[in-house]
Amino acid sequence: MPDQTTDQQWKPKNNPWLLILPVMLATFMYALDETVANVALPHIAGSYSVSSQESIWVLTSYLMASSIVIPMIDFFCKFIGRKNFFCLGVLLFTVASFLCGISNSIGMIVVARALQGMGGGCLMPMAQAVCMESFTGEARNKAMAVFGLVVIVAPILGPVMGGWITENWSWPFIFFINVPVGILCIALARKFLEDPPYARRQKNVHLDKFGFMWLCIWLIPLQVVFDKGNDADWFNAPWICWLTAVAVIGGIMFFVSQIKGKNPLVKLDVLKDGNFLCGTAMIIMINAVLLASLAILPQMLQYMLGYDSFLSGLAIMPRGVGALIALLIFGGLGGRFTYRTYGLAGLSCLALGGWMLGLLNLQINPMNIAIPNMVFGFGLIFTMMPIKTLSCITLRNDQMTNAAGLQNLLQTIGGAIGTSLVATMISRFSQIHQNGLVKSMVDTNPVFAERLSMYASSFLSQAGDMVNAANMAGKMLYNQLLQQSTLCAYMTTFKVFAIACFILLPFMFILKSEKA
């Protein structure tokens, strides 16, 4: 085992900016694929003749497979060396991307996406650890700024690129584009990436087989419950109850095995660090809001406003513009403010952007969508970058890889759960609003009676008599009620996201801060 003093004094031989080039490229590719398929789901569902609910597994299988492989990062880094493991992950991601593109059934693409998630799940934690290790002082802040930009902007660009490729080529090419990027990434990693003493190949390294088993027993049933629970009416279905029980037992046993095991998949002692625990909890919530909002906003624009795949992706583009503006401001202000100040400003912008999206209606212009998204993107940079940095500043260098793996495990689980639950939120809120709106569709309501009479008169020549015309008018008004209740459900969901961000504001004062 390398000496800890040597570990703390390690410096890369190459220019650190060249060293992080391949890991940033890989991180961008992985983060992009979290959302690149969002706007293409209707096309994928149509290609395989499945429902939109079934097609959502294309997203969740990727996120859940990523969650399962993340805790194994520390073991594989010690077993074959971090550089070799990084290249192996990129290779698996690239091959799986090709398999996604040539898939001929929903089952094949779900399996291929799971393989893609397994290959890509290890990339982001290693990139975060490399950035934290390879730089010190102000240079570390700049490196984490680049890392934060990649992590935030890539999922935002995903729907734009996915929409353009889907409309101009076809949806398989959203996966084929990863192949040349993956090959380039492997070449750069072989040339520039270096392993510090504590991340090199070591002898007598053992895999926590029982920990991995309990992890799978925990996460796989949990994801099935969140994905299919709403369709099965949740706990009114016995099989949902059984799967939930299995997931709870698996989760408890996983954490017990990690605490008592001699060679655990993740060392939970980093959770004793207050900054890391609080920062990680905040990141879980923020990532759930980010991925959930990116999942439902394109759907709302396509189903409610008639946007195509490209336009719905393009409507999210202002998030990237807001993130870029925030990054320039962050660099210009330098160390004039603490990370806590940046985080408070970022969470406020996230809450404001979410609330503005919750005020949309069907009589809007593109600026009504662009401005909230820009505010949202602005807030993401000022939130994720400070919180990720503050959560790790009190850790030792030799803890970075394990801590980054655990943090990204929980972050990815949060994103997967958020993506699954948001569909339930839309469905339930729609039912609630429909129940409220239908009470106004009575003859004693003069507005409803007037509208019904007007529509019935317009249908009279087509229907032949007033009875049939009134029935047609009633159906038309009911369809409008369904549309309005669905729109209100989207609005309510965005307001829930805003409230969640407001709730996180006090937690910024728990984090120990330092000058940015």
Protein backbone atom coordinates (compact mmCIF):
# COMPACT_ATOMS: atom_id res chain seq x y z
CA MET A 1 0.00 0.00 0.00
CA PRO A 2 1.51 3.34 -0.98
CA ASP A 3 2.50 5.74 1.76
CA GLN A 4 -0.18 8.35 2.51
CA THR A 5 2.35 11.18 2.53
CA THR A 6 3.43 10.20 -0.97
CA ASP A 7 -0.21 10.08 -2.01
CA GLN A 8 -0.83 13.61 -0.79
CA GLN A 9 2.30 14.93 -2.58
CA TRP A 10 1.65 13.18 -5.91
CA LYS A 11 1.62 15.40 -8.97
CA PRO A 12 1.03 14.36 -12.60
CA LYS A 13 3.98 14.26 -14.95
CA ASN A 14 2.02 15.68 -17.88
CA ASN A 15 0.21 19.00 -18.03
CA PRO A 16 -2.89 18.46 -15.84
CA TRP A 17 -5.11 20.02 -18.51
CA LEU A 18 -4.00 17.37 -21.00
CA LEU A 19 -4.54 14.73 -18.33
CA ILE A 20 -8.20 15.67 -17.78
CA LEU A 21 -8.95 15.99 -21.52
CA PRO A 22 -9.98 12.34 -22.06
CA VAL A 23 -11.96 12.15 -18.81
CA MET A 24 -13.86 15.36 -19.67
CA LEU A 25 -14.64 13.99 -23.14
CA ALA A 26 -15.89 10.73 -21.65
CA THR A 27 -17.94 12.56 -19.03
CA PHE A 28 -19.58 14.68 -21.71
CA MET A 29 -20.43 11.57 -23.74
CA TYR A 30 -21.91 9.78 -20.72
CA ALA A 31 -23.89 12.80 -19.44
CA LEU A 32 -25.18 13.54 -22.95
CA ASP A 33 -26.63 10.04 -23.23
CA GLU A 34 -28.62 10.53 -20.03
CA THR A 35 -31.04 12.74 -21.99
CA VAL A 36 -30.24 12.38 -25.70
CA ALA A 37 -33.00 9.78 -26.11
CA ASN A 38 -35.69 11.82 -24.32
CA VAL A 39 -37.12 13.51 -27.41
CA ALA A 40 -36.74 10.35 -29.51
CA LEU A 41 -38.90 8.15 -27.26
CA PRO A 42 -42.05 8.53 -29.42
CA HIS A 43 -40.02 7.45 -32.48
CA ILE A 44 -38.46 4.52 -30.60
CA ALA A 45 -41.88 3.43 -29.30
CA GLY A 46 -43.28 3.64 -32.83
CA SER A 47 -40.40 1.60 -34.29
CA TYR A 48 -41.05 -1.27 -31.88
CA SER A 49 -44.86 -0.85 -31.62
CA VAL A 50 -44.81 -0.35 -27.86
CA SER A 51 -46.46 2.19 -25.56
CA SER A 52 -44.77 5.36 -24.38
CA GLN A 53 -44.70 3.90 -20.87
CA GLU A 54 -42.71 0.88 -22.07
CA SER A 55 -40.30 3.10 -24.00
CA ILE A 56 -39.35 4.92 -20.77
CA TRP A 57 -37.27 1.84 -19.88
CA VAL A 58 -34.79 3.09 -22.48
CA LEU A 59 -34.00 5.90 -20.01
CA THR A 60 -34.32 4.15 -16.68
CA SER A 61 -32.35 1.01 -17.61
CA TYR A 62 -29.40 3.25 -18.49
CA LEU A 63 -29.53 5.13 -15.19
CA MET A 64 -30.06 2.06 -13.03
CA ALA A 65 -27.22 0.09 -14.65
CA SER A 66 -24.98 3.10 -14.04
CA SER A 67 -25.96 3.03 -10.37
CA ILE A 68 -25.06 -0.63 -10.00
CA VAL A 69 -21.57 -0.34 -11.48
CA ILE A 70 -20.54 2.85 -9.66
CA PRO A 71 -19.75 1.18 -6.28
CA MET A 72 -17.38 -1.24 -8.03
CA ILE A 73 -15.11 1.56 -9.25
CA ASP A 74 -12.74 1.45 -6.28
CA PHE A 75 -12.31 -2.33 -6.61
CA PHE A 76 -11.59 -2.26 -10.35
CA CYS A 77 -9.22 0.71 -10.02
CA LYS A 78 -7.14 -1.33 -7.57
CA PHE A 79 -7.57 -4.60 -9.48
CA ILE A 80 -6.50 -3.45 -12.96
CA GLY A 81 -5.50 0.19 -12.41
CA ARG A 82 -7.68 3.25 -12.90
CA LYS A 83 -6.33 4.07 -16.36
CA ASN A 84 -7.04 0.54 -17.64
CA PHE A 85 -10.48 0.50 -16.03
CA PHE A 86 -11.31 3.87 -17.54
CA CYS A 87 -10.41 2.62 -21.03
CA LEU A 88 -12.40 -0.58 -20.45
CA GLY A 89 -15.46 1.45 -19.42
CA VAL A 90 -15.23 3.65 -22.53
CA LEU A 91 -14.85 0.55 -24.71
CA LEU A 92 -17.96 -1.11 -23.24
CA PHE A 93 -19.90 2.15 -23.59
CA THR A 94 -18.87 2.47 -27.24
CA VAL A 95 -19.74 -1.13 -28.16
CA ALA A 96 -23.07 -0.89 -26.34
CA SER A 97 -23.87 2.36 -28.20
CA PHE A 98 -23.43 0.51 -31.48
CA LEU A 99 -25.71 -2.29 -30.25
CA CYS A 100 -28.36 0.31 -29.31
CA GLY A 101 -28.28 1.64 -32.86
CA ILE A 102 -28.76 -1.77 -34.48
CA SER A 103 -31.39 -3.02 -31.98
CA ASN A 104 -34.44 -4.66 -33.58
CA SER A 105 -36.69 -4.96 -30.50
CA ILE A 106 -37.51 -3.09 -27.32
CA GLY A 107 -35.91 -5.88 -25.29
CA MET A 108 -32.64 -5.65 -27.19
CA ILE A 109 -32.35 -1.88 -26.85
CA VAL A 110 -33.15 -2.00 -23.12
CA VAL A 111 -30.38 -4.58 -22.59
CA ALA A 112 -27.98 -2.58 -24.78
CA ARG A 113 -28.80 0.60 -22.84
CA ALA A 114 -28.12 -1.26 -19.59
CA LEU A 115 -24.70 -2.32 -20.95
CA GLN A 116 -24.13 1.27 -22.02
CA GLY A 117 -24.94 2.44 -18.50
CA MET A 118 -22.58 -0.13 -17.00
CA GLY A 119 -19.76 1.13 -19.19
CA GLY A 120 -20.53 4.79 -18.64
CA GLY A 121 -21.37 4.67 -14.95
CA CYS A 122 -17.71 4.56 -13.97
CA LEU A 123 -16.65 7.51 -16.14
CA MET A 124 -18.08 10.51 -14.26
CA PRO A 125 -16.83 9.54 -10.75
CA MET A 126 -13.33 8.91 -12.08
CA ALA A 127 -13.38 12.23 -13.93
CA GLN A 128 -14.39 14.07 -10.75
CA ALA A 129 -11.63 12.36 -8.77
CA VAL A 130 -9.01 13.11 -11.45
CA CYS A 131 -9.96 16.82 -11.47
CA MET A 132 -9.75 17.07 -7.68
CA GLU A 133 -6.41 15.22 -7.50
CA SER A 134 -4.55 16.77 -10.41
CA PHE A 135 -4.98 20.41 -9.42
CA THR A 136 -4.58 22.52 -6.29
CA GLY A 137 -5.72 25.97 -5.25
CA GLU A 138 -7.16 28.24 -7.91
CA ALA A 139 -6.36 25.72 -10.67
CA ARG A 140 -8.59 23.17 -8.92
CA ASN A 141 -11.45 25.69 -8.93
CA LYS A 142 -11.02 26.18 -12.67
CA ALA A 143 -10.88 22.42 -13.30
CA MET A 144 -14.03 21.86 -11.24
CA ALA A 145 -15.67 24.71 -13.17
CA VAL A 146 -14.97 22.84 -16.42
CA PHE A 147 -16.21 19.60 -14.87
CA GLY A 148 -19.36 21.32 -13.62
CA LEU A 149 -20.01 22.84 -17.03
CA VAL A 150 -19.70 19.44 -18.72
CA VAL A 151 -21.95 17.73 -16.16
CA ILE A 152 -24.63 20.41 -16.43
CA VAL A 153 -24.52 21.37 -20.11
CA ALA A 154 -24.28 17.87 -21.61
CA PRO A 155 -27.72 16.70 -20.37
CA ILE A 156 -29.16 20.01 -21.59
CA LEU A 157 -27.65 19.62 -25.06
CA GLY A 158 -28.85 16.00 -25.20
CA PRO A 159 -32.46 16.75 -26.23
CA VAL A 160 -31.30 19.33 -28.80
CA MET A 161 -28.86 16.96 -30.47
CA GLY A 162 -31.24 14.02 -30.13
CA GLY A 163 -34.10 15.98 -31.71
CA TRP A 164 -32.03 17.28 -34.62
CA ILE A 165 -30.54 13.86 -35.38
CA THR A 166 -33.92 12.15 -35.07
CA GLU A 167 -35.65 14.59 -37.42
CA ASN A 168 -32.85 14.84 -40.00
CA TRP A 169 -31.42 11.30 -39.95
CA SER A 170 -33.09 8.70 -37.72
CA TRP A 171 -33.02 7.87 -34.04
CA PRO A 172 -30.34 5.08 -34.21
CA PHE A 173 -27.76 7.75 -35.07
CA ILE A 174 -28.11 9.31 -31.62
CA PHE A 175 -26.22 6.21 -30.48
CA PHE A 176 -23.92 5.75 -33.48
CA ILE A 177 -22.29 9.17 -32.89
CA ASN A 178 -20.74 7.76 -29.69
CA VAL A 179 -18.58 5.31 -31.63
CA PRO A 180 -15.96 7.72 -33.08
CA VAL A 181 -16.00 9.80 -29.89
CA GLY A 182 -15.33 6.69 -27.81
CA ILE A 183 -12.41 5.65 -30.01
CA LEU A 184 -10.87 9.13 -29.72
CA CYS A 185 -11.38 9.10 -25.96
CA ILE A 186 -9.55 5.77 -25.57
CA ALA A 187 -6.63 7.06 -27.68
CA LEU A 188 -6.29 10.22 -25.57
CA ALA A 189 -6.55 8.26 -22.32
CA ARG A 190 -3.79 5.85 -23.36
CA LYS A 191 -1.53 8.82 -24.14
CA PHE A 192 -2.18 11.31 -21.33
CA LEU A 193 -4.00 9.72 -18.39
CA GLU A 194 -1.89 8.80 -15.33
CA ASP A 195 -2.56 6.77 -12.22
CA PRO A 196 -1.62 8.16 -8.78
CA PRO A 197 -0.07 5.66 -6.34
CA TYR A 198 -3.39 4.91 -4.61
CA ALA A 199 -5.22 4.21 -7.91
CA ARG A 200 -2.70 1.83 -9.45
CA ARG A 201 -2.96 -1.94 -9.78
CA GLN A 202 -2.59 -3.63 -6.40
CA LYS A 203 -2.26 -7.20 -5.20
CA ASN A 204 -4.67 -9.16 -3.00
CA VAL A 205 -7.71 -7.10 -3.94
CA HIS A 206 -11.05 -8.78 -3.26
CA LEU A 207 -14.51 -8.05 -4.60
CA ASP A 208 -17.36 -7.73 -2.13
CA LYS A 209 -19.59 -10.30 -3.82
CA PHE A 210 -22.32 -10.19 -1.18
CA GLY A 211 -22.36 -6.40 -1.25
CA PHE A 212 -22.81 -6.45 -5.03
CA MET A 213 -25.57 -9.06 -4.71
CA TRP A 214 -27.48 -6.97 -2.15
CA LEU A 215 -26.99 -3.86 -4.29
CA CYS A 216 -28.70 -5.58 -7.24
CA ILE A 217 -31.48 -6.92 -4.98
CA TRP A 218 -32.02 -3.37 -3.76
CA LEU A 219 -31.89 -1.29 -6.94
CA ILE A 220 -33.44 -3.50 -9.62
CA PRO A 221 -36.77 -4.16 -7.82
CA LEU A 222 -36.82 -0.54 -6.65
CA GLN A 223 -36.64 0.73 -10.23
CA VAL A 224 -39.36 -1.69 -11.36
CA VAL A 225 -41.61 -0.43 -8.56
CA PHE A 226 -41.10 3.21 -9.53
CA ASP A 227 -41.51 2.52 -13.24
CA LYS A 228 -44.59 0.28 -13.09
CA GLY A 229 -46.15 1.27 -9.77
CA ASN A 230 -48.50 3.88 -11.19
CA ASP A 231 -49.82 1.51 -13.89
CA ALA A 232 -50.41 -1.19 -11.27
CA ASP A 233 -52.15 1.22 -8.84
CA TRP A 234 -49.17 1.03 -6.48
CA PHE A 235 -49.70 -0.94 -3.28
CA ASN A 236 -53.11 -2.19 -4.32
CA ALA A 237 -51.16 -4.66 -6.46
CA PRO A 238 -49.68 -7.54 -4.40
CA TRP A 239 -46.63 -7.90 -6.66
CA ILE A 240 -45.74 -4.22 -6.06
CA CYS A 241 -45.90 -4.88 -2.32
CA TRP A 242 -43.62 -7.90 -2.64
CA LEU A 243 -41.11 -6.10 -4.83
CA THR A 244 -41.06 -3.15 -2.43
CA ALA A 245 -40.37 -5.49 0.48
CA VAL A 246 -37.53 -7.14 -1.46
CA ALA A 247 -36.05 -3.73 -2.32
CA VAL A 248 -36.23 -2.54 1.31
CA ILE A 249 -34.58 -5.71 2.59
CA GLY A 250 -31.92 -5.49 -0.14
CA GLY A 251 -31.19 -1.85 0.70
CA ILE A 252 -30.85 -2.55 4.42
CA MET A 253 -28.63 -5.57 3.84
CA PHE A 254 -26.47 -3.62 1.39
CA PHE A 255 -25.69 -0.89 3.90
CA VAL A 256 -25.17 -3.42 6.70
CA SER A 257 -22.74 -5.39 4.51
CA GLN A 258 -20.83 -2.22 3.65
CA ILE A 259 -20.49 -1.25 7.31
CA LYS A 260 -19.47 -4.68 8.62
CA GLY A 261 -17.60 -6.06 5.59
CA LYS A 262 -13.79 -6.15 5.49
CA ASN A 263 -13.60 -5.21 1.79
CA PRO A 264 -16.81 -3.28 1.05
CA LEU A 265 -17.76 -1.96 -2.38
CA VAL A 266 -17.94 1.56 -0.95
CA LYS A 267 -16.44 2.81 2.27
CA LEU A 268 -19.27 4.53 4.07
CA ASP A 269 -16.89 6.21 6.51
CA VAL A 270 -16.84 9.23 4.19
CA LEU A 271 -20.47 9.82 5.22
CA LYS A 272 -19.13 10.76 8.67
CA ASP A 273 -17.85 13.94 7.03
CA GLY A 274 -20.63 16.51 7.52
CA ASN A 275 -19.83 18.44 4.35
CA PHE A 276 -19.84 15.32 2.20
CA LEU A 277 -23.09 13.97 3.71
CA CYS A 278 -25.00 17.23 3.42
CA GLY A 279 -23.62 18.10 -0.02
CA THR A 280 -24.41 14.64 -1.39
CA ALA A 281 -28.00 14.78 -0.11
CA MET A 282 -28.47 18.15 -1.83
CA ILE A 283 -26.97 16.85 -5.08
CA ILE A 284 -29.38 13.88 -5.06
CA MET A 285 -32.36 16.23 -4.90
CA ILE A 286 -30.98 18.65 -7.51
CA ASN A 287 -30.18 15.84 -9.95
CA ALA A 288 -33.66 14.39 -9.51
CA VAL A 289 -35.16 17.80 -10.35
CA LEU A 290 -32.79 18.27 -13.31
CA LEU A 291 -33.42 14.92 -15.01
CA ALA A 292 -37.14 14.89 -14.20
CA SER A 293 -37.63 18.35 -15.71
CA LEU A 294 -35.63 17.36 -18.79
CA ALA A 295 -37.86 14.29 -19.17
CA ILE A 296 -41.24 16.05 -19.00
CA LEU A 297 -40.58 19.40 -20.69
CA PRO A 298 -40.07 17.90 -24.20
CA GLN A 299 -43.19 15.75 -23.66
CA MET A 300 -45.24 18.79 -22.70
CA LEU A 301 -44.06 20.72 -25.75
CA GLN A 302 -44.74 17.80 -28.12
CA TYR A 303 -48.08 16.64 -26.72
CA MET A 304 -49.56 19.99 -25.64
CA LEU A 305 -48.12 22.47 -28.17
CA GLY A 306 -47.46 20.26 -31.20
CA TYR A 307 -43.66 20.73 -31.32
CA ASP A 308 -41.60 18.19 -33.24
CA SER A 309 -38.57 16.42 -31.73
CA PHE A 310 -36.06 19.04 -32.82
CA LEU A 311 -38.11 22.06 -31.73
CA SER A 312 -38.86 20.53 -28.35
CA GLY A 313 -35.15 19.89 -27.85
CA LEU A 314 -34.26 23.36 -29.10
CA ALA A 315 -36.65 24.91 -26.59
CA ILE A 316 -34.41 23.56 -23.82
CA MET A 317 -31.29 25.08 -25.39
CA PRO A 318 -31.55 28.33 -23.35
CA ARG A 319 -30.59 26.25 -20.31
CA GLY A 320 -27.18 25.79 -21.89
CA VAL A 321 -26.99 29.51 -22.67
CA GLY A 322 -27.82 30.33 -19.06
CA ALA A 323 -25.19 27.86 -17.87
CA LEU A 324 -22.55 29.44 -20.13
CA ILE A 325 -23.41 32.94 -18.89
CA ALA A 326 -23.18 31.71 -15.30
CA LEU A 327 -19.78 30.16 -15.97
CA LEU A 328 -18.45 33.42 -17.45
CA ILE A 329 -19.75 35.36 -14.44
CA PHE A 330 -18.25 32.77 -12.10
CA GLY A 331 -14.87 33.15 -13.77
CA GLY A 332 -15.09 36.93 -13.83
CA LEU A 333 -16.01 37.29 -10.16
CA GLY A 334 -13.26 34.91 -9.09
CA GLY A 335 -12.86 34.67 -5.32
CA ARG A 336 -14.95 37.72 -4.42
CA PHE A 337 -17.71 35.54 -3.00
CA THR A 338 -17.79 32.26 -1.09
CA TYR A 339 -19.13 29.05 -2.55
CA ARG A 340 -22.02 29.36 -0.11
CA THR A 341 -23.02 32.66 -1.71
CA TYR A 342 -22.89 31.13 -5.17
CA GLY A 343 -24.93 28.14 -3.99
CA LEU A 344 -27.63 30.33 -2.44
CA ALA A 345 -27.89 32.35 -5.64
CA GLY A 346 -28.01 29.17 -7.72
CA LEU A 347 -30.76 27.50 -5.69
CA SER A 348 -32.80 30.71 -5.82
CA CYS A 349 -32.50 30.74 -9.62
CA LEU A 350 -33.49 27.07 -9.83
CA ALA A 351 -36.57 27.75 -7.73
CA LEU A 352 -37.46 30.85 -9.74
CA GLY A 353 -37.01 29.04 -13.08
CA GLY A 354 -39.15 26.13 -11.92
CA TRP A 355 -41.90 28.46 -10.70
CA MET A 356 -41.88 30.39 -14.00
CA LEU A 357 -42.28 27.11 -15.91
CA GLY A 358 -45.21 26.36 -13.60
CA LEU A 359 -46.99 29.48 -14.89
CA LEU A 360 -47.03 28.44 -18.57
CA ASN A 361 -50.22 27.99 -20.57
CA LEU A 362 -51.16 27.09 -24.14
CA GLN A 363 -51.20 30.75 -25.26
CA ILE A 364 -47.47 31.34 -25.06
CA ASN A 365 -44.63 32.38 -27.34
CA PRO A 366 -41.10 30.88 -27.43
CA MET A 367 -39.74 33.52 -25.03
CA ASN A 368 -42.09 32.26 -22.31
CA ILE A 369 -40.20 28.96 -22.50
CA ALA A 370 -36.72 30.38 -23.17
CA ILE A 371 -36.51 32.77 -20.20
CA PRO A 372 -37.38 30.24 -17.45
CA ASN A 373 -35.00 27.73 -19.01
CA MET A 374 -32.21 30.30 -19.10
CA VAL A 375 -32.78 31.14 -15.44
CA PHE A 376 -32.81 27.40 -14.68
CA GLY A 377 -29.50 26.85 -16.50
CA PHE A 378 -27.97 29.85 -14.74
CA GLY A 379 -28.93 28.34 -11.40
CA LEU A 380 -27.56 24.88 -12.23
CA ILE A 381 -23.99 26.14 -12.65
CA PHE A 382 -24.12 28.27 -9.50
CA THR A 383 -25.54 25.30 -7.59
CA MET A 384 -23.83 22.10 -8.71
CA MET A 385 -20.30 23.46 -8.97
CA PRO A 386 -20.10 24.94 -5.44
CA ILE A 387 -21.92 22.06 -3.77
CA LYS A 388 -19.81 19.36 -5.46
CA THR A 389 -16.63 21.21 -4.51
CA LEU A 390 -17.68 21.96 -0.92
CA SER A 391 -18.76 18.36 -0.36
CA CYS A 392 -15.19 17.15 -1.03
CA ILE A 393 -12.91 19.90 0.32
CA THR A 394 -12.64 18.25 3.75
CA LEU A 395 -11.70 14.82 2.33
CA ARG A 396 -8.20 13.43 1.80
CA ASN A 397 -6.90 12.74 -1.70
CA ASP A 398 -6.94 8.98 -1.12
CA GLN A 399 -10.65 9.23 -0.30
CA MET A 400 -11.56 11.07 -3.49
CA THR A 401 -12.17 8.08 -5.79
CA ASN A 402 -14.34 6.22 -3.26
CA ALA A 403 -16.19 9.39 -2.26
CA ALA A 404 -16.82 10.37 -5.88
CA GLY A 405 -18.11 6.85 -6.58
CA LEU A 406 -20.51 6.89 -3.63
CA GLN A 407 -21.69 10.41 -4.43
CA ASN A 408 -22.35 9.58 -8.06
CA LEU A 409 -24.08 6.32 -7.06
CA LEU A 410 -26.57 8.20 -4.91
CA GLN A 411 -26.84 11.04 -7.44
CA THR A 412 -27.65 8.63 -10.26
CA ILE A 413 -30.20 6.80 -8.11
CA GLY A 414 -31.81 10.15 -7.39
CA GLY A 415 -31.97 10.94 -11.11
CA ALA A 416 -33.44 7.52 -11.94
CA ILE A 417 -36.09 7.80 -9.24
CA GLY A 418 -36.91 11.37 -10.27
CA THR A 419 -37.31 10.30 -13.92
CA SER A 420 -39.62 7.45 -12.90
CA LEU A 421 -41.71 9.35 -10.36
CA VAL A 422 -42.34 12.36 -12.56
CA ALA A 423 -44.61 10.27 -14.81
CA THR A 424 -46.64 9.33 -11.73
CA MET A 425 -46.77 12.98 -10.66
CA ILE A 426 -48.16 14.03 -14.05
CA SER A 427 -50.77 11.26 -13.96
CA ARG A 428 -51.91 11.91 -10.40
CA PHE A 429 -51.96 15.70 -10.68
CA SER A 430 -53.93 15.37 -13.92
CA GLN A 431 -56.56 13.30 -12.12
CA ILE A 432 -56.74 15.81 -9.28
CA HIS A 433 -57.17 18.77 -11.63
CA GLN A 434 -59.66 16.85 -13.77
CA ASN A 435 -61.75 16.13 -10.69
CA GLY A 436 -61.69 19.82 -9.80
CA LEU A 437 -62.49 21.10 -13.28
CA VAL A 438 -65.30 18.67 -13.99
CA LYS A 439 -67.33 20.19 -11.14
CA SER A 440 -67.75 23.33 -13.23
CA MET A 441 -69.25 21.38 -16.18
CA VAL A 442 -72.85 21.65 -14.97
CA ASP A 443 -75.86 23.37 -16.51
CA THR A 444 -76.10 25.76 -13.55
CA ASN A 445 -72.74 27.25 -14.56
CA PRO A 446 -73.67 30.07 -16.99
CA VAL A 447 -70.23 30.06 -18.64
CA PHE A 448 -70.44 26.31 -19.34
CA ALA A 449 -74.06 26.58 -20.56
CA GLU A 450 -73.17 29.41 -22.92
CA ARG A 451 -70.13 27.57 -24.33
CA LEU A 452 -72.14 24.34 -24.73
CA SER A 453 -74.89 26.18 -26.60
CA MET A 454 -72.40 27.92 -28.87
CA TYR A 455 -70.64 24.66 -29.80
CA ALA A 456 -73.96 22.85 -30.26
CA SER A 457 -75.14 25.52 -32.70
CA SER A 458 -71.95 25.16 -34.72
CA PHE A 459 -72.44 21.34 -34.89
CA LEU A 460 -76.15 21.49 -35.73
CA SER A 461 -75.80 21.28 -39.51
CA GLN A 462 -73.37 18.37 -39.19
CA ALA A 463 -75.32 16.46 -36.49
CA GLY A 464 -78.81 16.88 -38.02
CA ASP A 465 -80.61 17.60 -34.74
CA MET A 466 -79.95 19.47 -31.50
CA VAL A 467 -79.60 16.34 -29.34
CA ASN A 468 -76.70 14.95 -31.37
CA ALA A 469 -75.19 18.45 -31.67
CA ALA A 470 -75.31 18.83 -27.87
CA ASN A 471 -73.58 15.43 -27.43
CA MET A 472 -70.81 16.44 -29.85
CA ALA A 473 -70.41 19.77 -28.06
CA GLY A 474 -70.19 17.99 -24.71
CA LYS A 475 -67.46 15.66 -26.00
CA MET A 476 -65.51 18.61 -27.36
CA LEU A 477 -65.70 20.44 -24.03
CA TYR A 478 -64.63 17.27 -22.20
CA ASN A 479 -61.59 16.90 -24.47
CA GLN A 480 -60.71 20.50 -23.65
CA LEU A 481 -61.07 19.66 -19.96
CA LEU A 482 -58.63 16.74 -20.34
CA GLN A 483 -56.16 19.00 -22.13
CA GLN A 484 -56.42 21.67 -19.46
CA SER A 485 -56.10 19.18 -16.60
CA THR A 486 -52.95 17.70 -18.20
CA LEU A 487 -51.49 21.17 -18.67
CA CYS A 488 -52.27 22.01 -15.04
CA ALA A 489 -50.53 18.77 -14.01
CA TYR A 490 -47.34 19.84 -15.80
CA MET A 491 -47.57 23.29 -14.19
CA THR A 492 -48.06 21.81 -10.72
CA THR A 493 -45.11 19.47 -11.19
CA PHE A 494 -42.80 22.34 -12.10
CA LYS A 495 -44.00 24.23 -9.02
CA VAL A 496 -43.14 21.17 -6.89
CA PHE A 497 -39.63 21.31 -8.34
CA ALA A 498 -39.42 24.99 -7.37
CA ILE A 499 -40.55 24.29 -3.81
CA ALA A 500 -37.96 21.50 -3.50
CA CYS A 501 -35.20 23.96 -4.45
CA PHE A 502 -36.48 26.53 -1.94
CA ILE A 503 -36.35 23.85 0.77
CA LEU A 504 -32.66 23.23 0.02
CA LEU A 505 -31.66 26.86 0.68
CA PRO A 506 -31.12 26.52 4.47
CA PHE A 507 -28.86 23.50 3.95
CA MET A 508 -26.25 25.75 2.27
CA PHE A 509 -25.52 27.19 5.73
CA ILE A 510 -24.67 23.72 7.05
CA LEU A 511 -21.86 23.28 4.52
CA LYS A 512 -18.47 24.58 5.55
CA SER A 513 -17.47 27.23 3.06
CA GLU A 514 -14.21 28.62 1.72
CA LYS A 515 -13.33 31.43 -0.63
CA ALA A 516 -14.09 30.57 -4.24
